[in-house]
C-alpha cells in the first residue's frame, strides 16, 4: 500500500511535510501545476508516479478533485479515499473564475493570497502556521497558480465516482472551513457507500498544515481499514 497526497491551491506538495513519514518510502506528494491544464492530465501524471497496485489517495481542495479523478482512472488500484475540503460536484461560476484570474494578473499573487486564500485559514491559526502557509503560496509562480485556478474551475463533477466507490471514504472538513463547509461535507459522506465524516476543531481549509496530528490519525485509521 502506498500514499498519494495531492495538494490544495495555491500551495504545492510541501504542504504535506507532516504526512511524509506515515509510510516512509511509499508516500508521494507531487506538485501538480506542471502536469497540464486540466484535471485529467493532473490525475494521469500523479498516478504515473507509482506502480503500486494498492493506493490510499488523499487530496485537499483541488487535490481532492484530482483524487476523485485518479479514482475514475484506476478504481482497481485505489483502496481508500481521503477528501479534505473537497467538493465532488462542480458548480459553474465563470464570473468568479474570471475575477480570480483578473486579480492575479492585475494585482499579483500576494494580493490574491490575502484576498482569496488567507481567509480560508482558521481565525485561531497560529502566526507560525499562517506564515508557513503564506510562504508556500508565495513561492509559486503566478502562471502556475493561474493554471491551477483554471483546472479547478474546469474540472468535471464527480458525484458518480464518490457514490460508486466501494472502499472507505473519509470526508474531512475543518470546523471553521467554509469551502465547502460542514453541511456539504456531511452530504458527501452520506453519498459515499462507505463514508465517514470528520470535523476537525479549530481548523480551516488547510487541515494538513493546521492540524497535522489529527489528519495523520485519520489517515492511519483509514489505511488500516483499506
C-alpha atoms as a PDB file:
ATOM      1  CA  UNK A   1       0.000   0.000   0.000  1.00  0.00           C
ATOM      2  CA  UNK A   2       1.258   3.469  -0.895  1.00  0.00           C
ATOM      3  CA  UNK A   3       0.042   7.002  -0.162  1.00  0.00           C
ATOM      4  CA  UNK A   4      -0.619   9.567  -2.884  1.00  0.00           C
ATOM      5  CA  UNK A   5      -1.030  13.087  -1.447  1.00  0.00           C
ATOM      6  CA  UNK A   6      -2.483  15.809  -3.688  1.00  0.00           C
ATOM      7  CA  UNK A   7      -2.187  19.441  -2.672  1.00  0.00           C
ATOM      8  CA  UNK A   8      -4.534  22.438  -2.494  1.00  0.00           C
ATOM      9  CA  UNK A   9      -4.362  25.804  -4.222  1.00  0.00           C
ATOM     10  CA  UNK A  10      -2.247  27.891  -4.168  1.00  0.00           C
ATOM     11  CA  UNK A  11       0.192  25.568  -2.413  1.00  0.00           C
ATOM     12  CA  UNK A  12       2.454  22.705  -3.520  1.00  0.00           C
ATOM     13  CA  UNK A  13       3.494  19.219  -2.454  1.00  0.00           C
ATOM     14  CA  UNK A  14       5.419  20.537   0.549  1.00  0.00           C
ATOM     15  CA  UNK A  15       2.132  21.241   2.328  1.00  0.00           C
ATOM     16  CA  UNK A  16       2.263  17.515   3.227  1.00  0.00           C
ATOM     17  CA  UNK A  17       5.557  17.764   5.156  1.00  0.00           C
ATOM     18  CA  UNK A  18       3.946  16.412   8.339  1.00  0.00           C
ATOM     19  CA  UNK A  19       2.500  13.408   6.497  1.00  0.00           C
ATOM     20  CA  UNK A  20       5.592  12.233   4.606  1.00  0.00           C
ATOM     21  CA  UNK A  21       6.750   9.845   7.343  1.00  0.00           C
ATOM     22  CA  UNK A  22       3.461   7.954   7.648  1.00  0.00           C
ATOM     23  CA  UNK A  23       4.615   5.403   5.053  1.00  0.00           C
ATOM     24  CA  UNK A  24       8.346   6.084   4.586  1.00  0.00           C
ATOM     25  CA  UNK A  25       9.492   5.335   1.069  1.00  0.00           C
ATOM     26  CA  UNK A  26       5.926   4.722  -0.062  1.00  0.00           C
ATOM     27  CA  UNK A  27       4.496   8.253   0.032  1.00  0.00           C
ATOM     28  CA  UNK A  28       4.210  10.553  -2.977  1.00  0.00           C
ATOM     29  CA  UNK A  29       3.389  14.262  -2.748  1.00  0.00           C
ATOM     30  CA  UNK A  30       3.853  15.785  -6.206  1.00  0.00           C
ATOM     31  CA  UNK A  31       3.417  19.418  -7.135  1.00  0.00           C
ATOM     32  CA  UNK A  32       0.687  19.340  -9.747  1.00  0.00           C
ATOM     33  CA  UNK A  33       0.998  22.559 -11.763  1.00  0.00           C
ATOM     34  CA  UNK A  34       3.420  21.162 -14.356  1.00  0.00           C
ATOM     35  CA  UNK A  35       1.111  18.215 -15.059  1.00  0.00           C
ATOM     36  CA  UNK A  36      -1.051  20.126 -17.543  1.00  0.00           C
ATOM     37  CA  UNK A  37      -4.036  22.434 -17.693  1.00  0.00           C
ATOM     38  CA  UNK A  38      -6.857  20.016 -16.906  1.00  0.00           C
ATOM     39  CA  UNK A  39      -7.715  17.710 -14.017  1.00  0.00           C
ATOM     40  CA  UNK A  40      -7.491  14.571 -16.150  1.00  0.00           C
ATOM     41  CA  UNK A  41      -3.884  15.322 -17.055  1.00  0.00           C
ATOM     42  CA  UNK A  42      -3.072  16.034 -13.405  1.00  0.00           C
ATOM     43  CA  UNK A  43      -4.563  12.692 -12.394  1.00  0.00           C
ATOM     44  CA  UNK A  44      -2.773  10.721 -15.113  1.00  0.00           C
ATOM     45  CA  UNK A  45       0.600  12.195 -14.235  1.00  0.00           C
ATOM     46  CA  UNK A  46       0.124  11.820 -10.499  1.00  0.00           C
ATOM     47  CA  UNK A  47      -0.878   8.188 -10.965  1.00  0.00           C
ATOM     48  CA  UNK A  48       2.189   7.536 -13.116  1.00  0.00           C
ATOM     49  CA  UNK A  49       4.474   8.337 -10.165  1.00  0.00           C
ATOM     50  CA  UNK A  50       3.788   4.953  -8.598  1.00  0.00           C
ATOM     51  CA  UNK A  51       3.335   1.408  -9.847  1.00  0.00           C
ATOM     52  CA  UNK A  52       1.742   0.298  -6.581  1.00  0.00           C
ATOM     53  CA  UNK A  53      -1.312  -1.890  -7.044  1.00  0.00           C
ATOM     54  CA  UNK A  54      -2.930  -0.540  -3.872  1.00  0.00           C
ATOM     55  CA  UNK A  55      -3.178   3.166  -3.108  1.00  0.00           C
ATOM     56  CA  UNK A  56      -4.674   5.384  -0.443  1.00  0.00           C
ATOM     57  CA  UNK A  57      -5.304   8.686  -2.223  1.00  0.00           C
ATOM     58  CA  UNK A  58      -5.525  11.849  -0.121  1.00  0.00           C
ATOM     59  CA  UNK A  59      -6.483  15.209  -1.594  1.00  0.00           C
ATOM     60  CA  UNK A  60      -7.105  18.683  -0.232  1.00  0.00           C
ATOM     61  CA  UNK A  61      -9.399  21.076  -2.129  1.00  0.00           C
ATOM     62  CA  UNK A  62      -8.465  20.870  -5.844  1.00  0.00           C
ATOM     63  CA  UNK A  63      -6.201  17.992  -4.781  1.00  0.00           C
ATOM     64  CA  UNK A  64      -9.358  16.206  -3.648  1.00  0.00           C
ATOM     65  CA  UNK A  65     -10.844  16.769  -7.087  1.00  0.00           C
ATOM     66  CA  UNK A  66      -7.685  15.239  -8.524  1.00  0.00           C
ATOM     67  CA  UNK A  67      -8.046  12.307  -6.103  1.00  0.00           C
ATOM     68  CA  UNK A  68     -11.542  11.635  -7.433  1.00  0.00           C
ATOM     69  CA  UNK A  69     -10.177  11.783 -10.981  1.00  0.00           C
ATOM     70  CA  UNK A  70      -7.413   9.312 -10.061  1.00  0.00           C
ATOM     71  CA  UNK A  71     -10.128   7.005  -8.751  1.00  0.00           C
ATOM     72  CA  UNK A  72     -12.083   7.363 -12.001  1.00  0.00           C
ATOM     73  CA  UNK A  73      -8.963   6.408 -13.958  1.00  0.00           C
ATOM     74  CA  UNK A  74      -7.821   3.473 -11.810  1.00  0.00           C
ATOM     75  CA  UNK A  75     -10.613   2.273  -9.499  1.00  0.00           C
ATOM     76  CA  UNK A  76      -8.955  -1.134  -9.183  1.00  0.00           C
ATOM     77  CA  UNK A  77      -5.856   0.457  -7.609  1.00  0.00           C
ATOM     78  CA  UNK A  78      -7.471   2.925  -5.220  1.00  0.00           C
ATOM     79  CA  UNK A  79      -8.253   1.196  -1.932  1.00  0.00           C
ATOM     80  CA  UNK A  80      -9.341   4.253   0.075  1.00  0.00           C
ATOM     81  CA  UNK A  81     -10.097   7.931  -0.486  1.00  0.00           C
ATOM     82  CA  UNK A  82      -9.486  10.793   1.913  1.00  0.00           C
ATOM     83  CA  UNK A  83     -11.025  14.065   0.757  1.00  0.00           C
ATOM     84  CA  UNK A  84     -10.271  17.285   2.634  1.00  0.00           C
ATOM     85  CA  UNK A  85     -12.256  20.432   1.908  1.00  0.00           C
ATOM     86  CA  UNK A  86     -13.366  18.914  -1.387  1.00  0.00           C
ATOM     87  CA  UNK A  87     -16.481  19.387  -3.494  1.00  0.00           C
ATOM     88  CA  UNK A  88     -17.259  16.416  -5.738  1.00  0.00           C
ATOM     89  CA  UNK A  89     -19.857  18.441  -7.634  1.00  0.00           C
ATOM     90  CA  UNK A  90     -18.676  21.404  -9.681  1.00  0.00           C
ATOM     91  CA  UNK A  91     -20.898  24.450  -9.862  1.00  0.00           C
ATOM     92  CA  UNK A  92     -20.120  26.523 -12.941  1.00  0.00           C
ATOM     93  CA  UNK A  93     -19.128  30.048 -11.942  1.00  0.00           C
ATOM     94  CA  UNK A  94     -17.482  31.690 -14.928  1.00  0.00           C
ATOM     95  CA  UNK A  95     -17.680  35.148 -13.358  1.00  0.00           C
ATOM     96  CA  UNK A  96     -15.769  34.073 -10.249  1.00  0.00           C
ATOM     97  CA  UNK A  97     -13.226  32.156 -12.340  1.00  0.00           C
ATOM     98  CA  UNK A  98     -12.602  35.252 -14.451  1.00  0.00           C
ATOM     99  CA  UNK A  99     -12.408  37.532 -11.424  1.00  0.00           C
ATOM    100  CA  UNK A 100      -9.716  35.423  -9.751  1.00  0.00           C
ATOM    101  CA  UNK A 101      -7.614  35.329 -12.922  1.00  0.00           C
ATOM    102  CA  UNK A 102      -8.048  39.086 -13.355  1.00  0.00           C
ATOM    103  CA  UNK A 103      -6.991  39.676  -9.742  1.00  0.00           C
ATOM    104  CA  UNK A 104      -3.905  37.503 -10.180  1.00  0.00           C
ATOM    105  CA  UNK A 105      -2.876  39.264 -13.380  1.00  0.00           C
ATOM    106  CA  UNK A 106      -3.590  42.820 -12.242  1.00  0.00           C
ATOM    107  CA  UNK A 107      -2.831  42.719  -8.507  1.00  0.00           C
ATOM    108  CA  UNK A 108      -0.324  39.879  -8.182  1.00  0.00           C
ATOM    109  CA  UNK A 109      -0.104  36.708  -6.150  1.00  0.00           C
ATOM    110  CA  UNK A 110       0.383  38.255  -2.711  1.00  0.00           C
ATOM    111  CA  UNK A 111      -2.755  40.368  -3.065  1.00  0.00           C
ATOM    112  CA  UNK A 112      -4.698  37.320  -4.307  1.00  0.00           C
ATOM    113  CA  UNK A 113      -3.392  35.277  -1.372  1.00  0.00           C
ATOM    114  CA  UNK A 114      -4.634  37.860   1.120  1.00  0.00           C
ATOM    115  CA  UNK A 115      -7.972  38.276  -0.626  1.00  0.00           C
ATOM    116  CA  UNK A 116      -8.908  34.727  -1.652  1.00  0.00           C
ATOM    117  CA  UNK A 117      -6.889  32.131   0.237  1.00  0.00           C
ATOM    118  CA  UNK A 118      -5.630  33.518   3.546  1.00  0.00           C
ATOM    119  CA  UNK A 119      -9.242  33.841   4.822  1.00  0.00           C
ATOM    120  CA  UNK A 120      -9.593  30.057   4.450  1.00  0.00           C
ATOM    121  CA  UNK A 121      -7.272  29.561   7.421  1.00  0.00           C
ATOM    122  CA  UNK A 122      -8.886  29.266  10.835  1.00  0.00           C
ATOM    123  CA  UNK A 123      -9.155  32.529  12.802  1.00  0.00           C
ATOM    124  CA  UNK A 124      -7.286  30.760  15.609  1.00  0.00           C
ATOM    125  CA  UNK A 125      -4.429  29.504  13.413  1.00  0.00           C
ATOM    126  CA  UNK A 126      -1.072  30.297  14.970  1.00  0.00           C
ATOM    127  CA  UNK A 127       1.139  33.013  13.470  1.00  0.00           C
ATOM    128  CA  UNK A 128       3.668  30.293  12.606  1.00  0.00           C
ATOM    129  CA  UNK A 129       1.036  28.296  10.711  1.00  0.00           C
ATOM    130  CA  UNK A 130      -0.159  31.367   8.844  1.00  0.00           C
ATOM    131  CA  UNK A 131       3.391  32.363   7.908  1.00  0.00           C
ATOM    132  CA  UNK A 132       4.325  28.853   6.766  1.00  0.00           C
ATOM    133  CA  UNK A 133       1.233  28.556   4.570  1.00  0.00           C
ATOM    134  CA  UNK A 134       1.768  32.008   3.081  1.00  0.00           C
ATOM    135  CA  UNK A 135       5.414  31.221   2.374  1.00  0.00           C
ATOM    136  CA  UNK A 136       4.449  28.100   0.408  1.00  0.00           C
ATOM    137  CA  UNK A 137       1.848  30.055  -1.571  1.00  0.00           C
ATOM    138  CA  UNK A 138       4.090  32.963  -2.468  1.00  0.00           C
ATOM    139  CA  UNK A 139       6.896  30.809  -3.823  1.00  0.00           C
ATOM    140  CA  UNK A 140       4.600  29.566  -6.605  1.00  0.00           C
ATOM    141  CA  UNK A 141       4.709  31.348  -9.936  1.00  0.00           C
ATOM    142  CA  UNK A 142       1.711  33.403 -10.936  1.00  0.00           C
ATOM    143  CA  UNK A 143       1.411  31.284 -14.094  1.00  0.00           C
ATOM    144  CA  UNK A 144       1.245  28.061 -12.084  1.00  0.00           C
ATOM    145  CA  UNK A 145      -1.431  29.354  -9.737  1.00  0.00           C
ATOM    146  CA  UNK A 146      -3.461  30.695 -12.665  1.00  0.00           C
ATOM    147  CA  UNK A 147      -3.217  27.247 -14.265  1.00  0.00           C
ATOM    148  CA  UNK A 148      -4.412  25.689 -11.015  1.00  0.00           C
ATOM    149  CA  UNK A 149      -7.372  28.076 -10.900  1.00  0.00           C
ATOM    150  CA  UNK A 150      -8.283  27.037 -14.447  1.00  0.00           C
ATOM    151  CA  UNK A 151      -8.025  23.342 -13.561  1.00  0.00           C
ATOM    152  CA  UNK A 152     -10.259  23.841 -10.525  1.00  0.00           C
ATOM    153  CA  UNK A 153     -12.938  25.726 -12.412  1.00  0.00           C
ATOM    154  CA  UNK A 154     -12.993  23.410 -15.441  1.00  0.00           C
ATOM    155  CA  UNK A 155     -12.984  20.086 -13.604  1.00  0.00           C
ATOM    156  CA  UNK A 156     -15.978  17.782 -14.153  1.00  0.00           C
ATOM    157  CA  UNK A 157     -18.423  16.886 -11.395  1.00  0.00           C
ATOM    158  CA  UNK A 158     -17.508  13.534  -9.889  1.00  0.00           C
ATOM    159  CA  UNK A 159     -20.548  12.708  -7.751  1.00  0.00           C
ATOM    160  CA  UNK A 160     -20.680   9.460  -9.703  1.00  0.00           C
ATOM    161  CA  UNK A 161     -17.215   8.437  -8.550  1.00  0.00           C
ATOM    162  CA  UNK A 162     -17.913   9.347  -4.940  1.00  0.00           C
ATOM    163  CA  UNK A 163     -21.218   7.457  -4.849  1.00  0.00           C
ATOM    164  CA  UNK A 164     -19.979   4.341  -6.653  1.00  0.00           C
ATOM    165  CA  UNK A 165     -16.583   3.866  -4.980  1.00  0.00           C
ATOM    166  CA  UNK A 166     -16.792   0.813  -2.688  1.00  0.00           C
ATOM    167  CA  UNK A 167     -13.765   1.426  -0.460  1.00  0.00           C
ATOM    168  CA  UNK A 168     -13.603   3.541   2.687  1.00  0.00           C
ATOM    169  CA  UNK A 169     -14.024   7.281   2.147  1.00  0.00           C
ATOM    170  CA  UNK A 170     -13.003   9.795   4.801  1.00  0.00           C
ATOM    171  CA  UNK A 171     -14.603  13.202   4.258  1.00  0.00           C
ATOM    172  CA  UNK A 172     -12.717  15.801   6.306  1.00  0.00           C
ATOM    173  CA  UNK A 173     -13.551  19.430   6.961  1.00  0.00           C
ATOM    174  CA  UNK A 174     -12.186  21.969   9.373  1.00  0.00           C
ATOM    175  CA  UNK A 175     -14.833  23.288  11.749  1.00  0.00           C
ATOM    176  CA  UNK A 176     -14.069  26.815  10.502  1.00  0.00           C
ATOM    177  CA  UNK A 177     -13.884  25.927   6.810  1.00  0.00           C
ATOM    178  CA  UNK A 178     -16.479  27.466   4.502  1.00  0.00           C
ATOM    179  CA  UNK A 179     -15.174  25.841   1.315  1.00  0.00           C
ATOM    180  CA  UNK A 180     -17.166  23.637   1.069  1.00  0.00           C
ATOM    181  CA  UNK A 181     -18.048  23.605   4.789  1.00  0.00           C
ATOM    182  CA  UNK A 182     -19.659  21.151   7.176  1.00  0.00           C
ATOM    183  CA  UNK A 183     -23.082  20.789   5.548  1.00  0.00           C
ATOM    184  CA  UNK A 184     -21.805  19.892   2.072  1.00  0.00           C
ATOM    185  CA  UNK A 185     -19.148  17.641   3.599  1.00  0.00           C
ATOM    186  CA  UNK A 186     -21.840  15.825   5.592  1.00  0.00           C
ATOM    187  CA  UNK A 187     -23.903  15.255   2.435  1.00  0.00           C
ATOM    188  CA  UNK A 188     -20.866  13.867   0.647  1.00  0.00           C
ATOM    189  CA  UNK A 189     -20.138  11.454   3.495  1.00  0.00           C
ATOM    190  CA  UNK A 190     -23.716  10.187   3.191  1.00  0.00           C
ATOM    191  CA  UNK A 191     -23.396   9.960  -0.600  1.00  0.00           C
ATOM    192  CA  UNK A 192     -20.379   7.659  -0.338  1.00  0.00           C
ATOM    193  CA  UNK A 193     -21.133   3.966   0.126  1.00  0.00           C
ATOM    194  CA  UNK A 194     -18.626   3.664   2.951  1.00  0.00           C
ATOM    195  CA  UNK A 195     -18.208   7.273   4.034  1.00  0.00           C
ATOM    196  CA  UNK A 196     -17.256   8.797   7.360  1.00  0.00           C
ATOM    197  CA  UNK A 197     -17.353  12.499   8.194  1.00  0.00           C
ATOM    198  CA  UNK A 198     -14.590  14.041  10.306  1.00  0.00           C
ATOM    199  CA  UNK A 199     -14.952  17.628  11.539  1.00  0.00           C
ATOM    200  CA  UNK A 200     -11.607  18.908  12.814  1.00  0.00           C
ATOM    201  CA  UNK A 201     -11.977  21.502  15.595  1.00  0.00           C
ATOM    202  CA  UNK A 202     -10.223  24.869  15.442  1.00  0.00           C
ATOM    203  CA  UNK A 203      -9.254  24.312  11.836  1.00  0.00           C
ATOM    204  CA  UNK A 204      -9.870  25.903   8.459  1.00  0.00           C
ATOM    205  CA  UNK A 205      -9.320  24.672   4.911  1.00  0.00           C
ATOM    206  CA  UNK A 206      -5.699  23.534   5.105  1.00  0.00           C
ATOM    207  CA  UNK A 207      -6.024  20.630   7.555  1.00  0.00           C
ATOM    208  CA  UNK A 208      -2.635  19.026   6.678  1.00  0.00           C
ATOM    209  CA  UNK A 209      -0.895  22.190   7.878  1.00  0.00           C
ATOM    210  CA  UNK A 210      -3.278  23.461  10.541  1.00  0.00           C
ATOM    211  CA  UNK A 211      -3.985  20.172  12.362  1.00  0.00           C
ATOM    212  CA  UNK A 212      -1.458  17.620  11.067  1.00  0.00           C
ATOM    213  CA  UNK A 213      -1.654  15.253  14.039  1.00  0.00           C
ATOM    214  CA  UNK A 214      -5.422  14.915  13.709  1.00  0.00           C
ATOM    215  CA  UNK A 215      -5.129  14.275   9.982  1.00  0.00           C
ATOM    216  CA  UNK A 216      -2.353  11.734  10.473  1.00  0.00           C
ATOM    217  CA  UNK A 217      -4.565   9.791  12.864  1.00  0.00           C
ATOM    218  CA  UNK A 218      -7.400   9.735  10.304  1.00  0.00           C
ATOM    219  CA  UNK A 219      -5.043   8.643   7.514  1.00  0.00           C
ATOM    220  CA  UNK A 220      -3.677   5.796   9.653  1.00  0.00           C
ATOM    221  CA  UNK A 221      -7.173   4.684  10.640  1.00  0.00           C
ATOM    222  CA  UNK A 222      -8.387   4.747   7.033  1.00  0.00           C
ATOM    223  CA  UNK A 223      -5.256   2.942   5.828  1.00  0.00           C
ATOM    224  CA  UNK A 224      -5.876   0.144   8.316  1.00  0.00           C
ATOM    225  CA  UNK A 225      -9.418  -0.417   7.017  1.00  0.00           C
ATOM    226  CA  UNK A 226      -8.493  -0.301   3.327  1.00  0.00           C
END
